[in-house]
Amino acid sequence: MDGLTGHIRAICISKERGTVKHEVPSALLVKDFGLEGDAHAGKWHRQVSLLSGARVDEFNEKGAGVSHGDFGENLVIDGFDCKSLPIGSTITIGEKAEPPRLKITQRGKECHTHCQIYQRMGECIMPHEGVFAEVLTGGEIKTGDRLSVEYPDSQRPFQAAVIVLSDKASKGEREDLSGPRACEILKENGYEIIEYVLLPDDPERLKQALIRLSDGREADLIVTSGGTGFSLRDNTPEATLSVADRNAPGIAEYMRMRSFALTDRAMLSRAASVIRGKTIIVNLPGSPKAVEECLGFILNGLAHGIAILRGSASECARE
């Protein structure tokens, strides 16, 4: 699947957020930041936005009349479909000895407010056709530069996201300890933490986060902490099950079984474990100690499950 090539049709930047980007003939990519002079650059995973020129052309054939930059995209690309690139793909720009390089980090984005294009056309392609990248290697880029794509290695480190559900911690009324502990344990086991999210016990916001991290960022594993008990505000399992493509109950069942040896209150855990796309989602308890115990129970087995979903391992019965 490697060997895709293309070129830059347009480069667009804007100095202020909320303003339309304007086209420039060349720009400087800054490592771990984005395009110099662009308001959306920064120390995050969406440093540069890309959109396929073919999708823009198709949209204009419907009478949209959009220009380069109107969708808020930084780079308009010809030669391949940006949306088809797996997360983790790298794009090399130009022919220099040390050329600028991007890594794809997210596919699509949630549209919180409908833009003028949506108001006029009834749709906007950026939320479902755009992709985002971080800058691995900086350097000058210009319109017409050649692009080459390298797909991610199936043996790359597993990527995980941690979501903590806590009304008090999300308001700053209490320090969250379970999320940082989960991140620490996952890192110790070779995972790359792509996001740590702190949310109130709000099932709708949790659903949105799970969908974004599974579909947009293609995390291998998402663990949630909190909201698995009997309180009326404990809705984590219901939100998790609502976004699932397939159930994977054995993970949660195994955590409960092992926890029974430590406390009979394990019977009160309503934690769920599911699969969405190629992402495993697991509900953990809310205390740092229980998070440590439960991750210790399941991480060994999870590695094989993630490898199967990635296609780098096969399912085989024990002899």
Protein backbone atom coordinates (compact mmCIF):
# COMPACT_ATOMS: atom_id res chain seq x y z
CA MET A 1 0.00 0.00 0.00
CA ASP A 2 3.08 2.23 0.16
CA GLY A 3 4.15 4.04 -2.97
CA LEU A 4 1.29 6.55 -3.15
CA THR A 5 2.45 9.82 -4.65
CA GLY A 6 0.90 13.19 -5.23
CA HIS A 7 1.62 16.89 -5.01
CA ILE A 8 0.56 20.02 -3.17
CA ARG A 9 -2.10 21.94 -5.06
CA ALA A 10 -2.45 24.77 -2.54
CA ILE A 11 -1.06 25.98 0.80
CA CYS A 12 -3.37 28.04 3.01
CA ILE A 13 -2.94 29.83 6.34
CA SER A 14 -4.84 32.25 8.55
CA LYS A 15 -3.36 34.46 11.26
CA GLU A 16 -6.48 34.36 13.45
CA ARG A 17 -8.85 31.57 14.41
CA GLY A 18 -12.32 31.88 12.97
CA THR A 19 -11.12 33.62 9.81
CA VAL A 20 -10.93 32.14 6.30
CA LYS A 21 -7.49 30.89 5.33
CA HIS A 22 -5.76 32.53 2.36
CA GLU A 23 -3.55 30.88 -0.22
CA VAL A 24 0.24 31.38 -0.16
CA PRO A 25 2.85 30.07 -2.63
CA SER A 26 5.14 28.69 0.08
CA ALA A 27 5.33 28.30 3.85
CA LEU A 28 7.56 26.98 6.61
CA LEU A 29 6.65 23.80 8.45
CA VAL A 30 7.88 23.91 12.04
CA LYS A 31 8.59 20.62 13.83
CA ASP A 32 6.03 19.71 16.52
CA PHE A 33 4.09 22.90 15.77
CA GLY A 34 2.64 23.31 12.28
CA LEU A 35 2.77 25.99 9.61
CA GLU A 36 4.55 29.16 10.68
CA GLY A 37 2.07 32.03 10.90
CA ASP A 38 -1.03 29.81 11.02
CA ALA A 39 -3.40 30.33 13.96
CA HIS A 40 -4.21 26.62 14.27
CA ALA A 41 -0.59 25.53 14.71
CA GLY A 42 0.44 24.49 18.19
CA LYS A 43 1.61 21.74 20.51
CA TRP A 44 -1.23 19.31 19.78
CA HIS A 45 -2.06 16.51 17.37
CA ARG A 46 -3.94 18.65 14.81
CA GLN A 47 -1.07 20.85 13.67
CA VAL A 48 -1.75 20.70 9.92
CA SER A 49 -5.04 19.98 8.13
CA LEU A 50 -5.20 18.30 4.73
CA LEU A 51 -8.00 17.92 2.17
CA SER A 52 -8.00 16.11 -1.16
CA GLY A 53 -8.35 18.38 -4.16
CA ALA A 54 -10.58 15.83 -5.88
CA ARG A 55 -13.14 16.13 -3.06
CA VAL A 56 -13.09 19.92 -3.40
CA ASP A 57 -13.63 19.63 -7.15
CA GLU A 58 -16.58 17.25 -6.66
CA PHE A 59 -18.12 19.66 -4.15
CA ASN A 60 -17.72 22.58 -6.54
CA GLU A 61 -19.44 20.59 -9.27
CA LYS A 62 -22.53 20.84 -7.08
CA GLY A 63 -22.32 24.62 -7.32
CA ALA A 64 -20.53 25.33 -4.04
CA GLY A 65 -18.10 27.84 -5.51
CA VAL A 66 -15.50 27.39 -2.75
CA SER A 67 -11.89 28.52 -3.01
CA HIS A 68 -8.77 27.02 -1.48
CA GLY A 69 -8.76 27.60 2.28
CA ASP A 70 -12.52 28.08 2.60
CA PHE A 71 -12.83 24.82 4.53
CA GLY A 72 -10.05 25.83 6.91
CA GLU A 73 -7.61 23.38 5.32
CA ASN A 74 -3.87 24.06 5.28
CA LEU A 75 -2.93 21.80 2.38
CA VAL A 76 -4.97 20.83 -0.68
CA ILE A 77 -3.56 17.57 -2.04
CA ASP A 78 -3.74 16.05 -5.53
CA GLY A 79 -2.84 12.47 -6.43
CA PHE A 80 -4.36 10.45 -3.57
CA ASP A 81 -7.33 10.45 -1.23
CA CYS A 82 -6.23 11.85 2.13
CA LYS A 83 -9.13 10.22 3.97
CA SER A 84 -7.98 6.75 2.88
CA LEU A 85 -4.65 7.06 4.68
CA PRO A 86 -4.40 4.99 7.88
CA ILE A 87 -3.61 6.84 11.07
CA GLY A 88 0.16 6.82 11.53
CA SER A 89 0.92 7.16 7.81
CA THR A 90 3.78 9.52 7.02
CA ILE A 91 3.92 11.99 4.13
CA THR A 92 7.30 13.12 2.81
CA ILE A 93 7.31 16.47 1.01
CA GLY A 94 9.78 17.33 -1.73
CA GLU A 95 13.10 15.80 -2.77
CA LYS A 96 15.57 17.34 -0.28
CA ALA A 97 18.11 15.22 1.60
CA GLU A 98 16.15 15.89 4.83
CA PRO A 99 12.66 16.70 3.54
CA PRO A 100 9.72 17.89 5.65
CA ARG A 101 7.57 15.03 6.94
CA LEU A 102 4.04 14.80 8.37
CA LYS A 103 2.35 12.02 10.34
CA ILE A 104 -1.41 11.52 10.04
CA THR A 105 -3.00 11.69 13.51
CA GLN A 106 -6.75 12.07 12.99
CA ARG A 107 -9.37 11.43 10.33
CA GLY A 108 -12.32 13.83 10.19
CA LYS A 109 -13.49 16.21 12.90
CA GLU A 110 -16.65 17.07 14.75
CA CYS A 111 -18.46 20.15 13.45
CA HIS A 112 -19.65 22.10 16.50
CA THR A 113 -21.11 25.04 14.57
CA HIS A 114 -22.29 24.87 10.98
CA CYS A 115 -20.16 27.14 8.79
CA GLN A 116 -21.36 29.39 5.99
CA ILE A 117 -20.64 26.64 3.46
CA TYR A 118 -22.96 24.29 5.33
CA GLN A 119 -25.63 26.97 5.61
CA ARG A 120 -25.49 27.54 1.84
CA MET A 121 -25.06 23.94 0.62
CA GLY A 122 -26.58 21.85 3.41
CA GLU A 123 -23.27 20.04 3.91
CA CYS A 124 -19.56 20.62 4.43
CA ILE A 125 -16.94 18.08 3.40
CA MET A 126 -14.19 18.99 5.89
CA PRO A 127 -15.70 17.14 8.91
CA HIS A 128 -15.70 13.80 7.07
CA GLU A 129 -13.09 14.25 4.31
CA GLY A 130 -10.38 16.24 6.07
CA VAL A 131 -7.44 14.69 7.91
CA PHE A 132 -4.97 16.12 10.40
CA ALA A 133 -1.26 15.66 10.93
CA GLU A 134 1.62 16.58 13.17
CA VAL A 135 4.98 17.78 11.86
CA LEU A 136 7.77 15.23 12.28
CA THR A 137 10.41 17.16 10.35
CA GLY A 138 10.23 20.85 9.52
CA GLY A 139 11.26 22.75 6.42
CA GLU A 140 10.02 24.97 3.62
CA ILE A 141 7.22 23.68 1.40
CA LYS A 142 5.78 25.17 -1.78
CA THR A 143 2.93 24.65 -4.20
CA GLY A 144 3.70 21.80 -6.59
CA ASP A 145 5.98 19.91 -4.18
CA ARG A 146 5.91 16.15 -4.70
CA LEU A 147 4.44 13.99 -1.94
CA SER A 148 5.14 10.36 -1.13
CA VAL A 149 3.26 8.24 1.41
CA GLU A 150 4.55 5.52 3.71
CA TYR A 151 1.98 3.42 5.56
CA PRO A 152 2.43 2.69 9.29
CA ASP A 153 4.32 -0.39 10.46
CA SER A 154 1.95 -2.99 11.92
CA GLN A 155 4.55 -3.60 14.65
CA ARG A 156 4.51 0.02 15.85
CA PRO A 157 3.70 0.57 19.55
CA PHE A 158 0.07 0.19 20.60
CA GLN A 159 -1.73 3.52 21.00
CA ALA A 160 -4.04 4.12 23.95
CA ALA A 161 -6.36 6.85 25.18
CA VAL A 162 -7.51 7.31 28.78
CA ILE A 163 -10.87 8.87 29.69
CA VAL A 164 -11.76 9.68 33.30
CA LEU A 165 -15.39 10.28 34.29
CA SER A 166 -15.73 12.45 37.37
CA ASP A 167 -18.01 15.41 38.04
CA LYS A 168 -15.78 16.78 40.80
CA ALA A 169 -12.45 16.25 39.04
CA SER A 170 -13.75 17.79 35.81
CA LYS A 171 -14.71 20.92 37.79
CA GLY A 172 -11.32 21.10 39.50
CA GLU A 173 -12.83 20.29 42.88
CA ARG A 174 -10.75 17.14 43.24
CA GLU A 175 -7.46 16.00 41.75
CA ASP A 176 -7.77 13.06 39.41
CA LEU A 177 -5.34 10.30 40.35
CA SER A 178 -6.75 7.34 38.45
CA GLY A 179 -6.16 8.77 34.96
CA PRO A 180 -2.47 9.59 35.48
CA ARG A 181 -1.97 6.17 37.08
CA ALA A 182 -3.59 4.45 34.09
CA CYS A 183 -1.36 6.44 31.70
CA GLU A 184 1.71 5.53 33.74
CA ILE A 185 0.93 1.80 33.71
CA LEU A 186 0.15 1.77 29.99
CA LYS A 187 3.41 3.58 29.20
CA GLU A 188 5.32 1.08 31.34
CA ASN A 189 3.81 -1.65 29.16
CA GLY A 190 4.91 -0.05 25.90
CA TYR A 191 1.77 1.88 24.95
CA GLU A 192 1.88 5.35 23.43
CA ILE A 193 -0.67 7.61 25.15
CA ILE A 194 -2.35 9.72 22.48
CA GLU A 195 -4.88 11.45 24.76
CA TYR A 196 -5.91 11.78 28.40
CA VAL A 197 -9.43 13.20 28.69
CA LEU A 198 -11.22 14.33 31.86
CA LEU A 199 -15.03 14.51 31.58
CA PRO A 200 -18.01 14.90 33.89
CA ASP A 201 -20.36 11.92 34.30
CA ASP A 202 -22.19 12.88 31.11
CA PRO A 203 -23.06 9.92 28.84
CA GLU A 204 -23.44 12.05 25.71
CA ARG A 205 -20.02 13.63 26.08
CA LEU A 206 -18.53 10.21 26.74
CA LYS A 207 -20.14 8.81 23.59
CA GLN A 208 -18.70 11.66 21.53
CA ALA A 209 -15.24 11.10 22.98
CA LEU A 210 -15.35 7.34 22.39
CA ILE A 211 -16.46 7.80 18.78
CA ARG A 212 -13.82 10.46 18.09
CA LEU A 213 -10.98 8.46 19.62
CA SER A 214 -12.06 5.21 17.90
CA ASP A 215 -13.02 6.51 14.46
CA GLY A 216 -10.97 9.69 14.16
CA ARG A 217 -7.78 8.81 16.01
CA GLU A 218 -8.03 5.01 15.61
CA ALA A 219 -6.73 4.28 19.11
CA ASP A 220 -5.90 0.60 19.65
CA LEU A 221 -7.20 0.78 23.21
CA ILE A 222 -9.42 3.17 25.13
CA VAL A 223 -9.75 2.72 28.88
CA THR A 224 -12.29 4.65 30.90
CA SER A 225 -12.13 5.15 34.65
CA GLY A 226 -15.18 5.81 36.80
CA GLY A 227 -18.94 5.67 36.40
CA THR A 228 -19.30 1.86 36.64
CA GLY A 229 -21.14 1.63 39.97
CA PHE A 230 -24.73 1.95 41.15
CA SER A 231 -24.99 5.73 41.49
CA LEU A 232 -27.63 7.38 39.31
CA ARG A 233 -24.79 9.37 37.68
CA ASP A 234 -22.86 6.18 36.82
CA ASN A 235 -23.61 5.78 33.11
CA THR A 236 -20.25 4.70 31.68
CA PRO A 237 -21.26 1.11 30.75
CA GLU A 238 -24.44 2.26 29.00
CA ALA A 239 -22.56 4.91 26.99
CA THR A 240 -19.88 2.37 26.09
CA LEU A 241 -22.34 -0.27 24.93
CA SER A 242 -24.23 2.29 22.86
CA VAL A 243 -21.19 2.98 20.62
CA ALA A 244 -20.09 -0.65 20.29
CA ASP A 245 -19.91 -2.57 17.03
CA ARG A 246 -19.30 -5.84 18.88
CA ASN A 247 -19.40 -6.95 22.47
CA ALA A 248 -16.25 -8.33 24.12
CA PRO A 249 -17.61 -9.29 27.56
CA GLY A 250 -14.78 -11.62 28.56
CA ILE A 251 -12.46 -8.72 29.41
CA ALA A 252 -14.83 -7.18 31.96
CA GLU A 253 -15.86 -10.60 33.24
CA TYR A 254 -12.23 -11.55 33.84
CA MET A 255 -11.59 -8.32 35.75
CA ARG A 256 -14.58 -9.07 38.00
CA MET A 257 -13.51 -12.68 38.50
CA ARG A 258 -9.98 -11.72 39.55
CA SER A 259 -11.28 -8.87 41.72
CA PHE A 260 -13.49 -11.27 43.72
CA ALA A 261 -10.31 -12.60 45.32
CA LEU A 262 -9.68 -9.11 46.69
CA THR A 263 -13.16 -7.89 47.60
CA ASP A 264 -16.72 -9.17 47.43
CA ARG A 265 -17.73 -5.72 46.18
CA ALA A 266 -16.46 -6.79 42.78
CA MET A 267 -19.99 -8.08 42.22
CA LEU A 268 -21.17 -4.45 42.13
CA SER A 269 -19.04 -3.52 39.11
CA ARG A 270 -21.09 -2.95 35.97
CA ALA A 271 -18.01 -2.40 33.77
CA ALA A 272 -18.37 -3.22 30.07
CA SER A 273 -15.79 -4.11 27.42
CA VAL A 274 -16.50 -3.77 23.70
CA ILE A 275 -15.01 -3.32 20.23
CA ARG A 276 -15.69 -0.37 17.96
CA GLY A 277 -14.02 -0.68 14.58
CA LYS A 278 -10.48 -1.76 15.44
CA THR A 279 -10.53 -0.24 18.92
CA ILE A 280 -10.99 -2.12 22.19
CA ILE A 281 -12.83 -0.10 24.85
CA VAL A 282 -12.61 -1.20 28.48
CA ASN A 283 -14.32 0.32 31.53
CA LEU A 284 -12.15 0.45 34.66
CA PRO A 285 -13.13 1.38 38.23
CA GLY A 286 -12.61 4.92 39.48
CA SER A 287 -9.94 4.47 42.16
CA PRO A 288 -6.19 4.48 41.37
CA LYS A 289 -5.69 1.22 43.28
CA ALA A 290 -8.48 -0.57 41.40
CA VAL A 291 -7.22 0.81 38.08
CA GLU A 292 -3.77 -0.58 38.83
CA GLU A 293 -5.19 -3.98 39.82
CA CYS A 294 -7.53 -4.32 36.83
CA LEU A 295 -4.97 -3.26 34.24
CA GLY A 296 -2.58 -5.78 35.77
CA PHE A 297 -5.19 -8.49 35.24
CA ILE A 298 -5.93 -7.78 31.55
CA LEU A 299 -2.95 -6.18 29.78
CA ASN A 300 -1.26 -9.43 28.84
CA GLY A 301 -4.33 -10.83 27.12
CA LEU A 302 -5.28 -7.49 25.56
CA ALA A 303 -2.03 -7.36 23.61
CA HIS A 304 -3.06 -10.40 21.58
CA GLY A 305 -6.53 -9.00 20.97
CA ILE A 306 -5.13 -5.70 19.70
CA ALA A 307 -2.70 -7.54 17.43
CA ILE A 308 -5.60 -9.51 15.94
CA LEU A 309 -7.55 -6.33 15.24
CA ARG A 310 -4.46 -4.77 13.64
CA GLY A 311 -4.00 -7.85 11.48
CA SER A 312 -0.53 -8.57 12.84
CA ALA A 313 -1.59 -11.76 14.65
CA SER A 314 -3.98 -14.60 13.91
CA GLU A 315 -6.60 -16.20 16.11
CA CYS A 316 -5.57 -19.72 16.97
CA ALA A 317 -6.80 -22.20 19.54
CA ARG A 318 -4.47 -23.48 22.22
CA GLU A 319 -3.40 -27.09 21.73
